[in-house]
N, C-alpha and C. Protein backbone atom coordinates (compact mmCIF):
# COMPACT_ATOMS: atom_id res chain seq x y z
N UNK A 1 168.28 249.95 329.43
CA UNK A 1 168.65 251.68 329.77
C UNK A 1 168.76 251.94 330.69
N UNK A 2 168.60 252.54 331.21
CA UNK A 2 169.32 252.58 333.68
C UNK A 2 168.66 253.95 333.54
N UNK A 3 168.19 254.30 333.77
CA UNK A 3 167.38 255.73 334.50
C UNK A 3 168.32 256.48 335.32
N UNK A 4 168.72 257.91 335.49
CA UNK A 4 169.66 258.50 336.07
C UNK A 4 169.12 259.68 336.21
N UNK A 5 170.41 260.23 336.71
CA UNK A 5 169.91 261.69 336.96
C UNK A 5 170.83 262.91 336.21
N UNK A 6 172.07 262.45 335.19
CA UNK A 6 172.59 262.34 334.35
C UNK A 6 171.85 263.71 333.40
N UNK A 7 172.83 264.45 333.19
CA UNK A 7 171.95 266.23 331.81
C UNK A 7 172.70 266.08 331.63
N UNK A 8 171.84 266.55 330.18
CA UNK A 8 172.25 266.30 328.99
C UNK A 8 172.25 267.81 328.84
N UNK A 9 172.92 268.40 327.91
CA UNK A 9 172.61 269.82 327.44
C UNK A 9 173.51 270.02 325.50
N UNK A 10 172.23 269.92 324.34
CA UNK A 10 173.30 270.16 323.16
C UNK A 10 173.33 271.58 322.83
N UNK A 11 174.52 272.01 322.84
CA UNK A 11 174.96 273.36 322.47
C UNK A 11 175.02 272.92 320.92
N UNK A 12 174.41 274.16 320.64
CA UNK A 12 174.61 274.19 319.08
C UNK A 12 175.29 276.01 318.12
N UNK A 13 176.00 276.24 317.02
CA UNK A 13 176.41 277.59 316.92
C UNK A 13 176.33 277.51 315.16
N UNK A 14 175.83 278.50 314.97
CA UNK A 14 175.04 278.61 313.75
C UNK A 14 176.27 279.69 313.28
N UNK A 15 177.02 280.49 312.50
CA UNK A 15 177.91 281.17 311.21
C UNK A 15 177.21 282.16 311.17
N UNK A 16 177.60 284.09 312.18
CA UNK A 16 176.59 283.95 311.83
C UNK A 16 175.52 285.18 313.24
N UNK A 17 175.20 284.02 313.99
CA UNK A 17 174.84 283.89 315.12
C UNK A 17 176.09 284.49 316.07
N UNK A 18 174.92 285.27 317.09
CA UNK A 18 175.65 285.62 317.97
C UNK A 18 176.41 285.14 319.40
N UNK A 19 176.11 283.24 319.68
CA UNK A 19 176.40 282.99 320.20
C UNK A 19 176.39 281.41 319.65
N UNK A 20 176.65 280.89 320.34
CA UNK A 20 176.62 278.90 320.05
C UNK A 20 174.54 279.31 321.32
N UNK A 21 173.66 278.36 321.44
CA UNK A 21 173.15 278.15 321.84
C UNK A 21 172.33 277.54 322.33
N UNK A 22 171.62 276.57 323.05
CA UNK A 22 170.75 275.72 323.42
C UNK A 22 170.26 275.35 322.93
N UNK A 23 169.57 273.89 321.98
CA UNK A 23 169.62 273.54 320.90
C UNK A 23 168.60 272.60 321.98
N UNK A 24 169.15 271.86 323.19
CA UNK A 24 168.32 270.78 323.56
C UNK A 24 168.78 270.51 325.14
N UNK A 25 167.62 269.94 326.14
CA UNK A 25 168.68 269.63 327.08
C UNK A 25 167.01 268.85 327.76
N UNK A 26 167.88 268.16 328.57
CA UNK A 26 167.10 266.62 329.54
C UNK A 26 168.10 266.20 330.77
N UNK A 27 167.12 265.99 331.64
CA UNK A 27 167.50 265.16 332.85
C UNK A 27 166.89 263.41 332.86
N UNK A 28 167.12 262.76 333.26
CA UNK A 28 166.92 261.32 333.08
C UNK A 28 166.77 260.59 332.12
N UNK A 29 165.68 260.27 331.38
CA UNK A 29 165.54 259.56 330.04
C UNK A 29 166.37 260.61 328.78
N UNK A 30 165.27 261.62 329.37
CA UNK A 30 165.09 262.64 328.18
C UNK A 30 167.27 262.87 327.93
N UNK A 31 168.05 262.78 329.19
CA UNK A 31 169.15 263.41 328.93
C UNK A 31 169.67 262.05 327.80
N UNK A 32 169.48 260.96 328.40
CA UNK A 32 169.57 259.47 327.97
C UNK A 32 169.03 259.99 326.36
N UNK A 33 168.07 260.27 326.21
CA UNK A 33 167.71 260.43 324.50
C UNK A 33 168.50 261.62 323.87
N UNK A 34 169.07 262.67 323.98
CA UNK A 34 169.55 263.38 323.49
C UNK A 34 171.49 262.60 323.54
N UNK A 35 171.61 262.31 324.05
CA UNK A 35 172.59 261.59 324.03
C UNK A 35 172.95 260.30 323.72
N UNK A 36 171.84 258.91 322.89
CA UNK A 36 171.90 258.73 322.37
C UNK A 36 171.48 258.61 320.91
N UNK A 37 170.75 259.82 320.63
CA UNK A 37 170.83 260.64 319.01
C UNK A 37 171.90 261.67 318.78
N UNK A 38 172.40 262.03 319.34
CA UNK A 38 173.45 263.01 319.12
C UNK A 38 174.59 261.46 318.84
N UNK A 39 175.21 260.52 319.50
CA UNK A 39 175.55 258.98 318.86
C UNK A 39 175.45 258.35 317.72
N UNK A 40 174.36 258.61 317.91
CA UNK A 40 173.09 257.47 316.14
C UNK A 40 173.50 258.87 314.96
N UNK A 41 174.16 259.59 315.45
CA UNK A 41 173.67 260.89 314.21
C UNK A 41 175.69 260.69 314.22
N UNK A 42 176.24 260.13 315.06
CA UNK A 42 178.30 259.85 315.06
C UNK A 42 178.71 262.11 315.14
N UNK A 43 177.99 262.91 316.19
CA UNK A 43 177.76 263.80 317.06
C UNK A 43 178.89 263.24 318.03
N UNK A 44 180.39 263.77 318.42
CA UNK A 44 180.62 263.36 319.89
C UNK A 44 180.03 263.89 320.66
N UNK A 45 180.92 262.93 321.99
CA UNK A 45 179.37 263.82 323.00
C UNK A 45 180.24 264.13 323.81
N UNK A 46 180.98 264.76 324.83
CA UNK A 46 181.25 265.02 325.98
C UNK A 46 181.10 265.18 327.44
N UNK A 47 181.44 264.58 328.19
CA UNK A 47 180.91 264.45 329.41
C UNK A 47 181.36 265.57 330.25
N UNK A 48 181.27 266.83 330.79
CA UNK A 48 181.21 267.56 331.18
C UNK A 48 180.34 268.31 332.27
N UNK A 49 179.99 267.29 333.54
CA UNK A 49 178.68 267.74 334.49
C UNK A 49 179.14 269.17 334.61
N UNK A 50 180.14 269.65 335.33
CA UNK A 50 180.10 271.47 335.43
C UNK A 50 179.96 272.39 334.01
N UNK A 51 179.81 272.29 333.65
CA UNK A 51 179.42 272.92 332.62
C UNK A 51 178.00 272.80 332.27
N UNK A 52 178.25 271.42 332.48
CA UNK A 52 176.13 271.33 331.91
C UNK A 52 175.05 271.65 333.15
N UNK A 53 176.12 271.54 334.77
CA UNK A 53 174.84 272.67 334.77
C UNK A 53 174.86 274.07 334.95
N UNK A 54 175.99 274.34 334.47
CA UNK A 54 175.71 275.62 334.46
C UNK A 54 174.58 276.36 333.59
N UNK A 55 174.35 275.39 332.75
CA UNK A 55 173.77 276.18 331.55
C UNK A 55 172.15 275.11 331.60
N UNK A 56 172.07 273.95 332.42
CA UNK A 56 171.48 272.86 332.02
C UNK A 56 170.17 274.83 332.73
N UNK A 57 170.00 275.89 333.82
CA UNK A 57 168.86 276.43 333.78
C UNK A 57 168.71 277.63 332.62
N UNK A 58 169.11 276.94 331.37
CA UNK A 58 169.01 278.20 330.73
C UNK A 58 167.78 277.51 329.93
N UNK A 59 166.88 278.40 328.90
CA UNK A 59 166.30 277.62 327.82
C UNK A 59 166.36 277.51 327.14
N UNK A 60 165.73 276.40 326.39
CA UNK A 60 165.75 275.91 325.54
C UNK A 60 165.82 276.84 323.92
N UNK A 61 167.03 277.22 323.35
CA UNK A 61 166.97 278.21 322.00
C UNK A 61 167.79 279.08 322.52
N UNK A 62 167.77 279.55 324.28
CA UNK A 62 169.02 280.69 324.51
C UNK A 62 170.49 280.55 323.92
N UNK A 63 170.32 281.60 324.07
CA UNK A 63 172.57 282.11 324.23
C UNK A 63 173.72 281.47 324.79
N UNK A 64 174.39 280.92 324.78
CA UNK A 64 174.99 280.59 325.86
C UNK A 64 175.92 282.74 326.66
N UNK A 65 175.48 282.22 327.76
CA UNK A 65 176.11 283.18 328.48
C UNK A 65 177.78 283.99 328.30
N UNK A 66 177.90 284.64 328.80
CA UNK A 66 178.99 285.38 328.29
C UNK A 66 180.33 284.19 329.19
N UNK A 67 180.04 284.28 330.77
CA UNK A 67 180.17 283.44 331.44
C UNK A 67 181.00 282.43 331.04
N UNK A 68 180.34 281.29 330.01
CA UNK A 68 180.51 280.33 329.42
C UNK A 68 181.43 279.71 328.38
N UNK A 69 180.95 281.02 327.40
CA UNK A 69 182.03 281.28 325.87
C UNK A 69 183.30 280.04 326.31
N UNK A 70 184.40 281.12 327.55
CA UNK A 70 186.00 279.66 326.98
C UNK A 70 184.77 278.28 327.13
N UNK A 71 184.82 278.29 327.67
CA UNK A 71 184.33 276.86 327.86
C UNK A 71 183.95 276.51 326.28
N UNK A 72 182.70 276.35 326.78
CA UNK A 72 182.04 275.62 325.26
C UNK A 72 182.40 276.24 324.20
N UNK A 73 183.04 277.03 323.99
CA UNK A 73 184.20 277.56 322.80
C UNK A 73 185.17 276.11 322.48
N UNK A 74 185.65 275.76 323.61
CA UNK A 74 186.69 275.07 323.91
C UNK A 74 186.56 273.65 323.33
N UNK A 75 184.87 273.39 323.86
CA UNK A 75 184.51 272.37 323.53
C UNK A 75 183.80 272.30 322.28
N UNK A 76 183.29 272.98 321.31
CA UNK A 76 182.76 273.34 319.89
C UNK A 76 184.50 273.34 319.38
N UNK A 77 185.10 273.36 319.78
CA UNK A 77 186.10 273.35 319.12
C UNK A 77 187.53 271.67 318.99
N UNK A 78 187.30 271.43 320.08
CA UNK A 78 186.98 269.55 319.58
C UNK A 78 185.82 269.06 319.34
N UNK A 79 185.42 269.40 319.39
CA UNK A 79 184.30 268.22 318.71
C UNK A 79 184.17 268.29 316.98
N UNK A 80 184.29 270.00 316.94
CA UNK A 80 184.83 269.76 315.35
C UNK A 80 186.11 268.90 314.81
N UNK A 81 187.31 269.73 315.19
CA UNK A 81 188.95 268.87 315.31
C UNK A 81 188.07 267.15 315.34
N UNK A 82 187.19 266.45 315.54
CA UNK A 82 186.86 265.28 316.17
C UNK A 82 186.40 264.77 314.96
N UNK A 83 185.68 265.92 314.45
CA UNK A 83 184.66 265.38 313.63
C UNK A 83 184.73 265.54 311.60
N UNK A 84 186.07 266.30 311.77
CA UNK A 84 187.18 266.99 310.93
C UNK A 84 188.29 265.37 310.40
N UNK A 85 188.87 265.00 312.02
CA UNK A 85 189.57 263.51 311.66
C UNK A 85 188.57 262.31 310.97
N UNK A 86 187.34 262.60 311.22
CA UNK A 86 186.31 260.89 310.71
C UNK A 86 186.15 261.45 309.61
N UNK A 87 185.65 262.28 309.36
CA UNK A 87 185.67 262.91 307.62
C UNK A 87 185.88 262.35 306.67
């Protein structure tokens, strides 16, 4: 495993919640761990550095800010579509 400064943000949406929220985040080794766990669980990993940068300042558990709704919604739809194809 190589060490780098890549950031990873795990985002989740649950029915009934007002918005998606930050499930986990990390940089370097922690980012690698988040990515590895997602891949192991069969969760698609998208590389969107611009969005990761915008969301990284949020605390874990914080809702995604309104200005990021569209980009995050598009990613969640994409992930959902891929997940349905795999099943």
